[in-house]
């Protein structure tokens, strides 16, 4: 929800760099989960053969 707020209304104690770092971490986590799901799907498909 914090990311939904405009850049101008971000409080001083929460700089944009920290927010960007969080976004990067979230993207990396999402990428890891996506690759894991893809690998599970691939192994499941190869197991069905």
PDB file of N, CA and C in Angstrom:
ATOM      1  N   UNK A   1       0.827  -1.206   0.000  1.00  0.00           N
ATOM      2  CA  UNK A   1       0.000   0.000   0.000  1.00  0.00           C
ATOM      3  C   UNK A   1       0.866   1.263   0.000  1.00  0.00           C
ATOM      4  N   UNK A   2       2.057   1.159   0.616  1.00  0.00           N
ATOM      5  CA  UNK A   2       2.936   2.323   0.688  1.00  0.00           C
ATOM      6  C   UNK A   2       3.445   2.717  -0.702  1.00  0.00           C
ATOM      7  N   UNK A   3       3.576   1.716  -1.585  1.00  0.00           N
ATOM      8  CA  UNK A   3       4.067   2.016  -2.925  1.00  0.00           C
ATOM      9  C   UNK A   3       3.021   2.741  -3.760  1.00  0.00           C
ATOM     10  N   UNK A   4       1.751   2.668  -3.342  1.00  0.00           N
ATOM     11  CA  UNK A   4       0.676   3.308  -4.094  1.00  0.00           C
ATOM     12  C   UNK A   4       0.706   4.827  -3.936  1.00  0.00           C
ATOM     13  N   UNK A   5       1.286   5.321  -2.833  1.00  0.00           N
ATOM     14  CA  UNK A   5       1.311   6.761  -2.586  1.00  0.00           C
ATOM     15  C   UNK A   5       2.237   7.457  -3.575  1.00  0.00           C
ATOM     16  N   UNK A   6       1.908   8.665  -4.000  1.00  0.00           N
ATOM     17  CA  UNK A   6       2.772   9.419  -4.913  1.00  0.00           C
ATOM     18  C   UNK A   6       4.131   9.713  -4.297  1.00  0.00           C
ATOM     19  N   UNK A   7       5.114  10.006  -5.155  1.00  0.00           N
ATOM     20  CA  UNK A   7       6.477  10.238  -4.670  1.00  0.00           C
ATOM     21  C   UNK A   7       6.553  11.490  -3.802  1.00  0.00           C
ATOM     22  N   UNK A   8       5.698  12.479  -4.059  1.00  0.00           N
ATOM     23  CA  UNK A   8       5.764  13.735  -3.318  1.00  0.00           C
ATOM     24  C   UNK A   8       5.281  13.618  -1.888  1.00  0.00           C
ATOM     25  N   UNK A   9       4.464  12.591  -1.588  1.00  0.00           N
ATOM     26  CA  UNK A   9       3.892  12.493  -0.242  1.00  0.00           C
ATOM     27  C   UNK A   9       4.628  11.485   0.634  1.00  0.00           C
ATOM     28  N   UNK A  10       5.794  10.993   0.192  1.00  0.00           N
ATOM     29  CA  UNK A  10       6.561  10.045   1.000  1.00  0.00           C
ATOM     30  C   UNK A  10       7.195  10.787   2.179  1.00  0.00           C
ATOM     31  N   UNK A  11       7.008  10.290   3.404  1.00  0.00           N
ATOM     32  CA  UNK A  11       7.594  10.945   4.587  1.00  0.00           C
ATOM     33  C   UNK A  11       9.119  10.949   4.540  1.00  0.00           C
ATOM     34  N   UNK A  12       9.713  11.843   5.347  1.00  0.00           N
ATOM     35  CA  UNK A  12      11.170  12.001   5.348  1.00  0.00           C
ATOM     36  C   UNK A  12      11.863  10.748   5.893  1.00  0.00           C
ATOM     37  N   UNK A  13      11.228  10.046   6.855  1.00  0.00           N
ATOM     38  CA  UNK A  13      11.876   8.892   7.465  1.00  0.00           C
ATOM     39  C   UNK A  13      11.887   7.676   6.533  1.00  0.00           C
ATOM     40  N   UNK A  14      11.145   7.777   5.412  1.00  0.00           N
ATOM     41  CA  UNK A  14      11.136   6.666   4.447  1.00  0.00           C
ATOM     42  C   UNK A  14      11.611   7.176   3.095  1.00  0.00           C
ATOM     43  N   UNK A  15      12.923   7.167   2.865  1.00  0.00           N
ATOM     44  CA  UNK A  15      13.468   7.678   1.601  1.00  0.00           C
ATOM     45  C   UNK A  15      13.126   6.770   0.429  1.00  0.00           C
ATOM     46  N   UNK A  16      13.260   7.321  -0.781  1.00  0.00           N
ATOM     47  CA  UNK A  16      12.917   6.575  -1.987  1.00  0.00           C
ATOM     48  C   UNK A  16      13.895   5.425  -2.221  1.00  0.00           C
ATOM     49  N   UNK A  17      15.145   5.582  -1.770  1.00  0.00           N
ATOM     50  CA  UNK A  17      16.142   4.532  -1.984  1.00  0.00           C
ATOM     51  C   UNK A  17      15.735   3.247  -1.265  1.00  0.00           C
ATOM     52  N   UNK A  18      15.234   3.385  -0.025  1.00  0.00           N
ATOM     53  CA  UNK A  18      14.783   2.215   0.732  1.00  0.00           C
ATOM     54  C   UNK A  18      13.600   1.565   0.020  1.00  0.00           C
ATOM     55  N   UNK A  19      12.710   2.390  -0.511  1.00  0.00           N
ATOM     56  CA  UNK A  19      11.555   1.861  -1.228  1.00  0.00           C
ATOM     57  C   UNK A  19      12.006   1.112  -2.487  1.00  0.00           C
ATOM     58  N   UNK A  20      12.963   1.700  -3.200  1.00  0.00           N
ATOM     59  CA  UNK A  20      13.477   1.043  -4.400  1.00  0.00           C
ATOM     60  C   UNK A  20      14.144  -0.287  -4.050  1.00  0.00           C
ATOM     61  N   UNK A  21      14.878  -0.294  -2.916  1.00  0.00           N
ATOM     62  CA  UNK A  21      15.537  -1.525  -2.481  1.00  0.00           C
ATOM     63  C   UNK A  21      14.490  -2.600  -2.204  1.00  0.00           C
ATOM     64  N   UNK A  22      13.401  -2.215  -1.557  1.00  0.00           N
ATOM     65  CA  UNK A  22      12.323  -3.158  -1.271  1.00  0.00           C
ATOM     66  C   UNK A  22      11.703  -3.687  -2.556  1.00  0.00           C
ATOM     67  N   UNK A  23      11.533  -2.798  -3.518  1.00  0.00           N
ATOM     68  CA  UNK A  23      10.956  -3.209  -4.806  1.00  0.00           C
ATOM     69  C   UNK A  23      11.882  -4.204  -5.498  1.00  0.00           C
ATOM     70  N   UNK A  24      13.188  -3.937  -5.445  1.00  0.00           N
ATOM     71  CA  UNK A  24      14.163  -4.837  -6.065  1.00  0.00           C
ATOM     72  C   UNK A  24      14.143  -6.196  -5.372  1.00  0.00           C
ATOM     73  N   UNK A  25      14.105  -6.182  -4.026  1.00  0.00           N
ATOM     74  CA  UNK A  25      14.071  -7.441  -3.285  1.00  0.00           C
ATOM     75  C   UNK A  25      12.809  -8.226  -3.630  1.00  0.00           C
ATOM     76  N   UNK A  26      11.675  -7.521  -3.709  1.00  0.00           N
ATOM     77  CA  UNK A  26      10.416  -8.183  -4.050  1.00  0.00           C
ATOM     78  C   UNK A  26      10.478  -8.779  -5.451  1.00  0.00           C
ATOM     79  N   UNK A  27      11.089  -8.035  -6.383  1.00  0.00           N
ATOM     80  CA  UNK A  27      11.203  -8.532  -7.764  1.00  0.00           C
ATOM     81  C   UNK A  27      12.076  -9.786  -7.800  1.00  0.00           C
ATOM     82  N   UNK A  28      13.180  -9.767  -7.054  1.00  0.00           N
ATOM     83  CA  UNK A  28      14.073 -10.933  -7.019  1.00  0.00           C
ATOM     84  C   UNK A  28      13.346 -12.134  -6.414  1.00  0.00           C
ATOM     85  N   UNK A  29      12.596 -11.905  -5.331  1.00  0.00           N
ATOM     86  CA  UNK A  29      11.840 -12.991  -4.701  1.00  0.00           C
ATOM     87  C   UNK A  29      10.805 -13.545  -5.663  1.00  0.00           C
ATOM     88  N   UNK A  30      10.099 -12.646  -6.374  1.00  0.00           N
ATOM     89  CA  UNK A  30       9.083 -13.078  -7.330  1.00  0.00           C
ATOM     90  C   UNK A  30       9.731 -13.879  -8.460  1.00  0.00           C
ATOM     91  N   UNK A  31      10.906 -13.428  -8.923  1.00  0.00           N
ATOM     92  CA  UNK A  31      11.621 -14.143  -9.987  1.00  0.00           C
ATOM     93  C   UNK A  31      12.016 -15.540  -9.520  1.00  0.00           C
ATOM     94  N   UNK A  32      12.484 -15.643  -8.262  1.00  0.00           N
ATOM     95  CA  UNK A  32      12.869 -16.947  -7.716  1.00  0.00           C
ATOM     96  C   UNK A  32      11.665 -17.886  -7.672  1.00  0.00           C
ATOM     97  N   UNK A  33      10.538 -17.371  -7.188  1.00  0.00           N
ATOM     98  CA  UNK A  33       9.348 -18.213  -7.087  1.00  0.00           C
ATOM     99  C   UNK A  33       8.866 -18.626  -8.477  1.00  0.00           C
ATOM    100  N   UNK A  34       8.937 -17.692  -9.438  1.00  0.00           N
ATOM    101  CA  UNK A  34       8.495 -18.014 -10.793  1.00  0.00           C
ATOM    102  C   UNK A  34       9.373 -19.109 -11.396  1.00  0.00           C
ATOM    103  N   UNK A  35      10.695 -19.002 -11.221  1.00  0.00           N
ATOM    104  CA  UNK A  35      11.593 -20.018 -11.769  1.00  0.00           C
ATOM    105  C   UNK A  35      11.352 -21.362 -11.084  1.00  0.00           C
ATOM    106  N   UNK A  36      11.074 -21.323  -9.764  1.00  0.00           N
ATOM    107  CA  UNK A  36      10.814 -22.558  -9.020  1.00  0.00           C
ATOM    108  C   UNK A  36       9.545 -23.227  -9.550  1.00  0.00           C
ATOM    109  N   UNK A  37       8.514 -22.412  -9.773  1.00  0.00           N
ATOM    110  CA  UNK A  37       7.255 -22.952 -10.294  1.00  0.00           C
ATOM    111  C   UNK A  37       7.474 -23.529 -11.688  1.00  0.00           C
ATOM    112  N   UNK A  38       8.241 -22.815 -12.509  1.00  0.00           N
ATOM    113  CA  UNK A  38       8.507 -23.301 -13.867  1.00  0.00           C
ATOM    114  C   UNK A  38       9.273 -24.622 -13.818  1.00  0.00           C
ATOM    115  N   UNK A  39      10.246 -24.717 -12.919  1.00  0.00           N
ATOM    116  CA  UNK A  39      11.019 -25.951 -12.805  1.00  0.00           C
ATOM    117  C   UNK A  39      10.130 -27.104 -12.342  1.00  0.00           C
ATOM    118  N   UNK A  40       9.266 -26.849 -11.349  1.00  0.00           N
ATOM    119  CA  UNK A  40       8.344 -27.883 -10.875  1.00  0.00           C
ATOM    120  C   UNK A  40       7.426 -28.321 -12.010  1.00  0.00           C
ATOM    121  N   UNK A  41       6.943 -27.357 -12.780  1.00  0.00           N
ATOM    122  CA  UNK A  41       6.056 -27.680 -13.899  1.00  0.00           C
ATOM    123  C   UNK A  41       6.797 -28.539 -14.926  1.00  0.00           C
ATOM    124  N   UNK A  42       8.061 -28.167 -15.204  1.00  0.00           N
ATOM    125  CA  UNK A  42       8.848 -28.918 -16.188  1.00  0.00           C
ATOM    126  C   UNK A  42       9.093 -30.345 -15.692  1.00  0.00           C
ATOM    127  N   UNK A  43       9.436 -30.490 -14.414  1.00  0.00           N
ATOM    128  CA  UNK A  43       9.697 -31.831 -13.875  1.00  0.00           C
ATOM    129  C   UNK A  43       8.413 -32.659 -13.887  1.00  0.00           C
ATOM    130  N   UNK A  44       7.276 -32.002 -13.598  1.00  0.00           N
ATOM    131  CA  UNK A  44       6.001 -32.717 -13.596  1.00  0.00           C
ATOM    132  C   UNK A  44       5.681 -33.201 -15.012  1.00  0.00           C
ATOM    133  N   UNK A  45       5.943 -32.330 -16.002  1.00  0.00           N
ATOM    134  CA  UNK A  45       5.668 -32.712 -17.396  1.00  0.00           C
ATOM    135  C   UNK A  45       6.576 -33.852 -17.839  1.00  0.00           C
ATOM    136  N   UNK A  46       7.854 -33.801 -17.452  1.00  0.00           N
ATOM    137  CA  UNK A  46       8.779 -34.860 -17.843  1.00  0.00           C
ATOM    138  C   UNK A  46       8.432 -36.159 -17.117  1.00  0.00           C
ATOM    139  N   UNK A  47       7.887 -36.058 -15.894  1.00  0.00           N
ATOM    140  CA  UNK A  47       7.500 -37.255 -15.154  1.00  0.00           C
ATOM    141  C   UNK A  47       6.277 -37.929 -15.764  1.00  0.00           C
ATOM    142  N   UNK A  48       5.415 -37.132 -16.384  1.00  0.00           N
ATOM    143  CA  UNK A  48       4.215 -37.696 -16.998  1.00  0.00           C
ATOM    144  C   UNK A  48       4.555 -38.515 -18.235  1.00  0.00           C
ATOM    145  N   UNK A  49       5.678 -38.179 -18.878  1.00  0.00           N
ATOM    146  CA  UNK A  49       6.004 -38.875 -20.121  1.00  0.00           C
ATOM    147  C   UNK A  49       6.373 -40.313 -19.872  1.00  0.00           C
TER     148      UNK A  49
END
